[in-house]
Amino acid sequence: MGSGCGGGVAAAVIAKSGAKVLVLEKANYFKRAEYKLTEESAFHNLYENGAAIATTDTGLSILAGSSFGGGSQVNDHIQV
């Protein structure tokens, strides 16, 4: 499981039941000083496949956050 909101809660619940839990994260970790605050960098580093995912028939584009701390790290900050 990843380190996002869902993965963190699931890991805690499973660990409280006595099982051993390992949380793995596929995303890179950036210290604030290392991160470039540009749109290009954000798409490349914070979104799955550089924010270039579509359904099989390409009828729908998918913007999926994928960063250290899970997609919620990105998606929680989106303003609609």
N, C-alpha and C. Protein backbone atom coordinates (compact mmCIF):
# COMPACT_ATOMS: atom_id res chain seq x y z
N MET A 1 0.84 -1.18 0.00
CA MET A 1 0.00 0.00 0.00
C MET A 1 0.88 1.23 0.00
N GLY A 2 0.36 2.33 -0.52
CA GLY A 2 1.11 3.58 -0.57
C GLY A 2 0.97 4.37 0.72
N SER A 3 1.61 5.50 0.76
CA SER A 3 1.67 6.30 1.98
C SER A 3 0.61 7.40 2.05
N GLY A 4 -0.37 7.37 1.19
CA GLY A 4 -1.42 8.39 1.19
C GLY A 4 -2.41 8.20 2.33
N CYS A 5 -3.46 9.00 2.29
CA CYS A 5 -4.47 8.95 3.37
C CYS A 5 -5.05 7.55 3.55
N GLY A 6 -5.46 6.93 2.47
CA GLY A 6 -6.04 5.59 2.56
C GLY A 6 -5.04 4.55 3.03
N GLY A 7 -3.85 4.59 2.48
CA GLY A 7 -2.81 3.63 2.85
C GLY A 7 -2.36 3.79 4.29
N GLY A 8 -2.25 5.04 4.74
CA GLY A 8 -1.84 5.29 6.12
C GLY A 8 -2.85 4.79 7.13
N VAL A 9 -4.12 5.05 6.85
CA VAL A 9 -5.19 4.58 7.76
C VAL A 9 -5.26 3.06 7.75
N ALA A 10 -5.21 2.46 6.55
CA ALA A 10 -5.25 1.00 6.46
C ALA A 10 -4.08 0.38 7.20
N ALA A 11 -2.89 0.95 7.05
CA ALA A 11 -1.71 0.43 7.75
C ALA A 11 -1.89 0.50 9.26
N ALA A 12 -2.44 1.59 9.76
CA ALA A 12 -2.65 1.74 11.20
C ALA A 12 -3.65 0.71 11.72
N VAL A 13 -4.75 0.52 11.00
CA VAL A 13 -5.77 -0.44 11.42
C VAL A 13 -5.20 -1.85 11.44
N ILE A 14 -4.48 -2.21 10.40
CA ILE A 14 -3.89 -3.55 10.32
C ILE A 14 -2.84 -3.74 11.41
N ALA A 15 -2.01 -2.74 11.65
CA ALA A 15 -0.98 -2.83 12.69
C ALA A 15 -1.60 -2.98 14.08
N LYS A 16 -2.71 -2.26 14.33
CA LYS A 16 -3.37 -2.36 15.63
C LYS A 16 -3.94 -3.76 15.88
N SER A 17 -4.20 -4.49 14.79
CA SER A 17 -4.71 -5.85 14.95
C SER A 17 -3.59 -6.83 15.28
N GLY A 18 -2.35 -6.34 15.27
CA GLY A 18 -1.21 -7.17 15.64
C GLY A 18 -0.35 -7.63 14.47
N ALA A 19 -0.79 -7.36 13.26
CA ALA A 19 -0.03 -7.78 12.09
C ALA A 19 1.11 -6.81 11.82
N LYS A 20 2.16 -7.31 11.18
CA LYS A 20 3.25 -6.45 10.76
C LYS A 20 2.85 -5.78 9.46
N VAL A 21 3.20 -4.51 9.31
CA VAL A 21 2.81 -3.74 8.13
C VAL A 21 4.04 -3.06 7.54
N LEU A 22 4.11 -3.08 6.23
CA LEU A 22 5.15 -2.37 5.51
C LEU A 22 4.47 -1.44 4.52
N VAL A 23 4.76 -0.15 4.62
CA VAL A 23 4.20 0.83 3.71
C VAL A 23 5.28 1.19 2.70
N LEU A 24 4.98 0.97 1.43
CA LEU A 24 5.92 1.28 0.36
C LEU A 24 5.39 2.47 -0.45
N GLU A 25 6.29 3.28 -0.90
CA GLU A 25 5.90 4.43 -1.71
C GLU A 25 6.73 4.42 -2.98
N LYS A 26 6.08 4.54 -4.12
CA LYS A 26 6.81 4.51 -5.39
C LYS A 26 7.32 5.88 -5.81
N ALA A 27 6.80 6.92 -5.21
CA ALA A 27 7.16 8.28 -5.61
C ALA A 27 8.47 8.73 -4.97
N ASN A 28 9.04 9.75 -5.55
CA ASN A 28 10.27 10.33 -5.01
C ASN A 28 9.96 11.29 -3.86
N TYR A 29 10.89 11.41 -2.95
CA TYR A 29 10.76 12.36 -1.85
C TYR A 29 11.59 13.59 -2.19
N PHE A 30 11.00 14.76 -2.06
CA PHE A 30 11.71 16.01 -2.32
C PHE A 30 11.70 16.87 -1.07
N LYS A 31 12.85 17.38 -0.69
CA LYS A 31 12.90 18.42 0.34
C LYS A 31 12.49 19.72 -0.35
N ARG A 32 11.88 20.64 0.39
CA ARG A 32 11.38 21.87 -0.20
C ARG A 32 12.46 22.59 -1.02
N ALA A 33 13.68 22.64 -0.50
CA ALA A 33 14.77 23.34 -1.18
C ALA A 33 15.16 22.67 -2.50
N GLU A 34 14.87 21.37 -2.63
CA GLU A 34 15.22 20.63 -3.84
C GLU A 34 14.16 20.74 -4.94
N TYR A 35 12.97 21.12 -4.57
CA TYR A 35 11.86 21.09 -5.51
C TYR A 35 11.76 22.38 -6.31
N LYS A 36 11.66 22.26 -7.61
CA LYS A 36 11.49 23.42 -8.48
C LYS A 36 9.99 23.74 -8.56
N LEU A 37 9.63 24.95 -8.25
CA LEU A 37 8.22 25.35 -8.23
C LEU A 37 7.77 25.83 -9.61
N THR A 38 7.80 24.90 -10.57
CA THR A 38 7.34 25.20 -11.91
C THR A 38 6.24 24.21 -12.29
N GLU A 39 5.39 24.62 -13.22
CA GLU A 39 4.31 23.74 -13.66
C GLU A 39 4.87 22.47 -14.29
N GLU A 40 5.88 22.61 -15.11
CA GLU A 40 6.49 21.44 -15.75
C GLU A 40 7.02 20.45 -14.72
N SER A 41 7.72 20.96 -13.71
CA SER A 41 8.26 20.11 -12.66
C SER A 41 7.15 19.44 -11.87
N ALA A 42 6.08 20.19 -11.57
CA ALA A 42 4.96 19.64 -10.81
C ALA A 42 4.30 18.49 -11.57
N PHE A 43 4.01 18.69 -12.85
CA PHE A 43 3.39 17.61 -13.63
C PHE A 43 4.28 16.38 -13.66
N HIS A 44 5.56 16.59 -13.88
CA HIS A 44 6.49 15.47 -13.98
C HIS A 44 6.66 14.74 -12.64
N ASN A 45 6.74 15.47 -11.55
CA ASN A 45 7.08 14.87 -10.26
C ASN A 45 5.91 14.56 -9.34
N LEU A 46 4.76 15.17 -9.55
CA LEU A 46 3.65 15.00 -8.61
C LEU A 46 2.46 14.24 -9.17
N TYR A 47 2.46 13.95 -10.47
CA TYR A 47 1.32 13.28 -11.09
C TYR A 47 1.75 12.00 -11.78
N GLU A 48 0.89 11.01 -11.76
CA GLU A 48 1.14 9.73 -12.40
C GLU A 48 1.40 9.94 -13.89
N ASN A 49 2.48 9.35 -14.37
CA ASN A 49 2.86 9.40 -15.79
C ASN A 49 2.94 10.83 -16.32
N GLY A 50 3.42 11.75 -15.50
CA GLY A 50 3.58 13.14 -15.93
C GLY A 50 2.27 13.82 -16.26
N ALA A 51 1.17 13.35 -15.66
CA ALA A 51 -0.18 13.88 -15.88
C ALA A 51 -0.70 13.56 -17.27
N ALA A 52 -0.16 12.51 -17.88
CA ALA A 52 -0.57 12.13 -19.24
C ALA A 52 -1.16 10.73 -19.25
N ILE A 53 -2.33 10.57 -18.64
CA ILE A 53 -3.02 9.27 -18.63
C ILE A 53 -4.38 9.48 -19.25
N ALA A 54 -4.81 8.51 -20.03
CA ALA A 54 -6.15 8.55 -20.62
C ALA A 54 -6.75 7.15 -20.55
N THR A 55 -8.06 7.08 -20.71
CA THR A 55 -8.72 5.78 -20.79
C THR A 55 -8.27 5.09 -22.06
N THR A 56 -8.54 3.79 -22.16
CA THR A 56 -8.10 2.99 -23.31
C THR A 56 -8.55 3.59 -24.63
N ASP A 57 -9.78 4.11 -24.67
CA ASP A 57 -10.28 4.69 -25.91
C ASP A 57 -9.91 6.17 -26.07
N THR A 58 -9.10 6.68 -25.16
CA THR A 58 -8.63 8.07 -25.10
C THR A 58 -9.76 9.09 -25.01
N GLY A 59 -10.95 8.64 -24.62
CA GLY A 59 -12.09 9.53 -24.50
C GLY A 59 -12.08 10.36 -23.23
N LEU A 60 -11.26 9.98 -22.26
CA LEU A 60 -11.23 10.68 -20.99
C LEU A 60 -9.79 10.80 -20.49
N SER A 61 -9.38 12.00 -20.17
CA SER A 61 -8.06 12.22 -19.58
C SER A 61 -8.17 12.04 -18.07
N ILE A 62 -7.13 11.51 -17.47
CA ILE A 62 -7.13 11.25 -16.03
C ILE A 62 -5.96 12.00 -15.40
N LEU A 63 -6.25 12.82 -14.41
CA LEU A 63 -5.23 13.54 -13.67
C LEU A 63 -5.13 12.89 -12.29
N ALA A 64 -4.11 12.08 -12.09
CA ALA A 64 -3.97 11.32 -10.86
C ALA A 64 -2.71 11.74 -10.11
N GLY A 65 -2.90 12.28 -8.93
CA GLY A 65 -1.76 12.66 -8.11
C GLY A 65 -0.98 11.43 -7.70
N SER A 66 0.32 11.51 -7.76
CA SER A 66 1.19 10.39 -7.38
C SER A 66 2.49 10.98 -6.85
N SER A 67 2.53 11.17 -5.55
CA SER A 67 3.70 11.79 -4.94
C SER A 67 3.95 11.18 -3.57
N PHE A 68 5.10 11.50 -3.00
CA PHE A 68 5.40 11.02 -1.66
C PHE A 68 4.32 11.56 -0.72
N GLY A 69 3.64 10.68 -0.03
CA GLY A 69 2.49 11.07 0.77
C GLY A 69 1.19 10.74 0.07
N GLY A 70 1.30 10.14 -1.10
CA GLY A 70 0.12 9.72 -1.85
C GLY A 70 -0.48 10.81 -2.70
N GLY A 71 -1.46 10.40 -3.48
CA GLY A 71 -2.15 11.34 -4.33
C GLY A 71 -2.83 12.44 -3.55
N SER A 72 -3.16 12.17 -2.31
CA SER A 72 -3.80 13.19 -1.48
C SER A 72 -2.87 14.38 -1.24
N GLN A 73 -1.58 14.16 -1.32
CA GLN A 73 -0.60 15.25 -1.19
C GLN A 73 -0.86 16.30 -2.25
N VAL A 74 -1.24 15.87 -3.44
CA VAL A 74 -1.52 16.77 -4.56
C VAL A 74 -3.00 17.14 -4.58
N ASN A 75 -3.85 16.13 -4.55
CA ASN A 75 -5.28 16.34 -4.75
C ASN A 75 -5.92 17.16 -3.65
N ASP A 76 -5.38 17.14 -2.45
CA ASP A 76 -5.95 17.89 -1.34
C ASP A 76 -5.82 19.39 -1.56
N HIS A 77 -4.91 19.82 -2.42
CA HIS A 77 -4.65 21.24 -2.62
C HIS A 77 -5.33 21.82 -3.85
N ILE A 78 -6.06 20.99 -4.58
CA ILE A 78 -6.73 21.46 -5.79
C ILE A 78 -7.92 22.33 -5.38
N GLN A 79 -8.01 23.51 -5.94
CA GLN A 79 -9.11 24.43 -5.68
C GLN A 79 -10.07 24.39 -6.87
N VAL A 80 -11.35 24.20 -6.61
CA VAL A 80 -12.34 24.16 -7.68
C VAL A 80 -13.17 25.40 -7.64
